[in-house]
N, C-alpha and C. Protein backbone atom coordinates (compact mmCIF):
# COMPACT_ATOMS: atom_id res chain seq x y z
N MET A 1 11.86 32.20 -16.18
CA MET A 1 10.13 31.03 -15.88
C MET A 1 9.58 31.04 -14.06
N ARG A 2 8.54 32.08 -14.35
CA ARG A 2 8.33 32.46 -12.80
C ARG A 2 8.51 30.87 -11.79
N ASP A 3 8.11 30.46 -10.38
CA ASP A 3 8.47 29.46 -9.67
C ASP A 3 6.66 29.45 -9.18
N LEU A 4 5.77 29.08 -9.74
CA LEU A 4 4.21 28.70 -9.15
C LEU A 4 4.48 27.83 -7.85
N PRO A 5 3.78 29.18 -7.29
CA PRO A 5 3.89 28.30 -5.46
C PRO A 5 2.97 27.27 -5.99
N THR A 6 3.32 25.93 -4.73
CA THR A 6 2.26 24.46 -5.38
C THR A 6 1.58 25.42 -3.73
N ILE A 7 0.34 24.91 -4.06
CA ILE A 7 -0.50 24.31 -2.72
C ILE A 7 -1.26 23.61 -2.29
N GLY A 8 -0.43 22.78 -0.91
CA GLY A 8 -0.88 21.30 -1.09
C GLY A 8 -0.20 19.97 -1.64
N GLY A 9 0.33 20.58 -2.39
CA GLY A 9 1.73 19.78 -3.16
C GLY A 9 1.62 18.60 -2.53
N ASN A 10 2.71 18.93 -1.48
CA ASN A 10 3.69 18.24 -0.59
C ASN A 10 2.71 17.44 0.23
N ALA A 11 2.24 17.67 1.04
CA ALA A 11 0.58 16.96 1.84
C ALA A 11 -0.25 15.88 0.84
N ALA A 12 -0.25 16.43 -1.13
CA ALA A 12 -0.75 15.50 -0.84
C ALA A 12 -0.14 13.92 -1.32
N VAL A 13 1.30 14.51 -2.53
CA VAL A 13 2.25 13.41 -2.26
C VAL A 13 2.43 12.79 -0.99
N LYS A 14 2.82 13.30 0.71
CA LYS A 14 3.15 12.21 1.46
C LYS A 14 1.77 11.32 1.98
N LYS A 15 0.34 11.56 1.37
CA LYS A 15 -0.98 10.76 1.46
C LYS A 15 -0.52 9.98 1.20
N TRP A 16 -0.29 9.75 -0.66
CA TRP A 16 0.04 8.80 -1.00
C TRP A 16 1.01 7.73 -1.05
N GLY A 17 1.91 8.60 -0.87
CA GLY A 17 3.77 8.15 -0.10
C GLY A 17 2.78 6.85 0.48
N TYR A 18 2.31 7.43 1.77
CA TYR A 18 1.84 6.72 2.84
C TYR A 18 0.90 5.21 2.93
N ILE A 19 -0.15 5.58 1.71
CA ILE A 19 -1.19 4.86 1.04
C ILE A 19 0.25 3.63 0.54
N ALA A 20 0.93 3.78 -0.49
CA ALA A 20 1.71 2.53 -0.76
C ALA A 20 2.84 2.36 -0.28
N MET A 21 2.68 3.18 0.78
CA MET A 21 3.68 2.43 1.43
C MET A 21 3.18 1.33 2.52
N HIS A 22 1.47 1.89 2.60
CA HIS A 22 1.06 0.84 3.26
C HIS A 22 0.90 -0.19 2.60
N ALA A 23 -0.33 0.35 1.61
CA ALA A 23 0.21 -1.90 0.76
C ALA A 23 1.62 -2.35 0.77
N ALA A 24 2.10 -1.81 0.24
CA ALA A 24 3.56 -2.69 0.15
C ALA A 24 3.52 -3.93 1.19
N ALA A 25 3.07 -2.67 1.96
CA ALA A 25 3.45 -4.24 4.33
C ALA A 25 3.36 -4.22 3.33
N ALA A 26 1.52 -4.49 3.80
CA ALA A 26 1.03 -5.10 4.25
C ALA A 26 1.12 -7.02 2.63
N ALA A 27 1.27 -6.03 1.51
CA ALA A 27 1.03 -7.37 1.09
C ALA A 27 2.26 -7.93 0.63
N ALA A 28 3.57 -7.34 1.56
CA ALA A 28 4.64 -8.29 1.59
C ALA A 28 4.54 -9.25 2.92
N PHE A 29 3.79 -8.76 4.08
CA PHE A 29 4.16 -9.87 4.66
C PHE A 29 3.35 -10.45 4.93
N ILE A 30 1.78 -10.84 3.92
CA ILE A 30 0.92 -12.13 3.51
C ILE A 30 1.48 -12.48 1.90
N PHE A 31 2.68 -12.02 1.89
CA PHE A 31 2.97 -12.65 0.75
C PHE A 31 4.13 -14.04 1.30
N LEU A 32 5.62 -13.55 2.27
CA LEU A 32 5.76 -14.03 2.76
C LEU A 32 5.38 -15.03 3.99
N LEU A 33 4.68 -14.92 4.30
CA LEU A 33 3.65 -15.69 5.32
C LEU A 33 3.01 -16.78 4.85
N GLN A 34 2.29 -16.58 3.31
CA GLN A 34 2.05 -17.38 2.78
C GLN A 34 2.95 -18.27 2.32
N ARG A 35 3.33 -17.46 1.67
CA ARG A 35 4.33 -18.86 0.77
C ARG A 35 5.35 -19.30 2.01
N PHE A 36 5.80 -18.94 2.58
CA PHE A 36 7.44 -19.73 3.74
C PHE A 36 6.97 -20.32 5.24
N THR A 37 5.50 -19.38 5.80
CA THR A 37 5.33 -19.63 6.24
C THR A 37 4.43 -21.64 7.04
N LEU A 38 3.03 -20.64 6.03
CA LEU A 38 2.48 -21.60 5.09
C LEU A 38 2.57 -22.69 4.67
N SER A 39 3.59 -22.40 3.62
CA SER A 39 4.01 -23.05 2.64
C SER A 39 2.18 -23.32 0.85
N ALA A 40 2.09 -22.95 0.20
CA ALA A 40 0.88 -22.25 0.17
C ALA A 40 2.20 -22.27 -1.71
N SER A 41 1.22 -22.06 -1.43
CA SER A 41 1.05 -22.28 -4.00
C SER A 41 2.10 -20.31 -4.03
N LEU A 42 2.31 -20.50 -5.14
CA LEU A 42 2.78 -19.43 -4.86
C LEU A 42 1.31 -18.85 -5.92
N GLU A 43 0.42 -18.59 -6.70
CA GLU A 43 0.35 -18.39 -7.53
C GLU A 43 -1.43 -17.78 -5.95
N SER A 44 -0.96 -19.00 -5.25
CA SER A 44 -2.51 -18.76 -4.52
C SER A 44 -2.08 -17.69 -3.14
N SER A 45 -0.09 -17.03 -2.85
CA SER A 45 0.83 -16.00 -2.99
C SER A 45 -0.07 -14.46 -2.81
N LEU A 46 0.62 -15.33 -4.17
CA LEU A 46 0.22 -13.42 -4.79
C LEU A 46 -1.30 -13.73 -4.70
N LEU A 47 -2.03 -13.84 -4.53
CA LEU A 47 -3.65 -13.09 -4.72
C LEU A 47 -3.83 -12.59 -3.80
N TRP A 48 -2.94 -14.17 -2.66
CA TRP A 48 -3.78 -13.22 -0.88
C TRP A 48 -2.78 -11.79 -0.94
N ALA A 49 -1.89 -11.48 -1.32
CA ALA A 49 -0.96 -10.05 -0.92
C ALA A 49 -1.80 -9.22 -2.35
N LEU A 50 -2.43 -9.63 -3.08
CA LEU A 50 -3.23 -8.26 -3.81
C LEU A 50 -3.90 -8.41 -3.26
N THR A 51 -5.02 -8.42 -3.14
CA THR A 51 -6.19 -8.81 -1.48
C THR A 51 -5.74 -8.00 -0.55
N PHE A 52 -5.00 -7.71 -0.17
CA PHE A 52 -4.28 -8.35 1.08
C PHE A 52 -4.04 -6.20 0.82
N ALA A 53 -2.49 -5.72 0.07
CA ALA A 53 -2.87 -4.39 -0.78
C ALA A 53 -4.07 -3.67 -0.54
N VAL A 54 -4.57 -4.11 -1.90
CA VAL A 54 -6.18 -3.43 -1.92
C VAL A 54 -6.93 -3.12 -0.64
N CYS A 55 -7.13 -3.95 0.15
CA CYS A 55 -8.10 -3.99 1.54
C CYS A 55 -7.25 -2.87 2.78
N ALA A 56 -5.60 -2.89 2.31
CA ALA A 56 -4.52 -2.30 3.45
C ALA A 56 -4.96 -1.01 2.71
N ALA A 57 -4.63 -1.01 1.61
CA ALA A 57 -4.17 0.66 -0.10
C ALA A 57 -5.45 0.99 1.01
N GLY A 58 -7.18 0.75 1.12
CA GLY A 58 -8.37 0.81 1.36
C GLY A 58 -8.01 2.42 2.97
N LEU A 59 -7.57 1.00 3.58
CA LEU A 59 -8.36 1.26 4.89
C LEU A 59 -7.14 2.64 5.30
N ALA A 60 -6.11 3.16 4.83
CA ALA A 60 -4.33 4.01 4.84
C ALA A 60 -5.71 4.87 4.09
N TYR A 61 -6.41 5.68 2.82
CA TYR A 61 -6.53 5.76 2.30
C TYR A 61 -8.05 6.51 3.25
N LYS A 62 -8.32 5.99 4.08
CA LYS A 62 -9.83 6.29 4.47
C LYS A 62 -8.45 7.00 6.41
N GLN A 63 -7.67 6.69 7.23
CA GLN A 63 -7.47 6.94 7.80
C GLN A 63 -6.83 8.31 6.79
N ALA A 64 -6.60 8.72 6.42
CA ALA A 64 -5.87 9.93 5.37
C ALA A 64 -6.76 10.66 5.38
N ASN A 65 -7.63 11.11 5.11
CA ASN A 65 -8.65 11.72 4.74
C ASN A 65 -10.04 11.86 5.79
N ARG A 66 -9.37 10.87 7.09
CA ARG A 66 -9.73 11.98 8.36
C ARG A 66 -9.43 12.97 8.87
């Protein structure tokens, strides 16, 4: 089989990896802050972590497309 050249494949992987890393870091940060520093319930902490992850992913997506 021939190796077909990939056009921009590596850049796309880096972009989506950056977005995923940004979302995971924001979710982990807000979960730990809510759960252990502010003593919030588990459900509330998870909800806030999900909300911040979505917002962080959106911001990282907009930044990556500049």
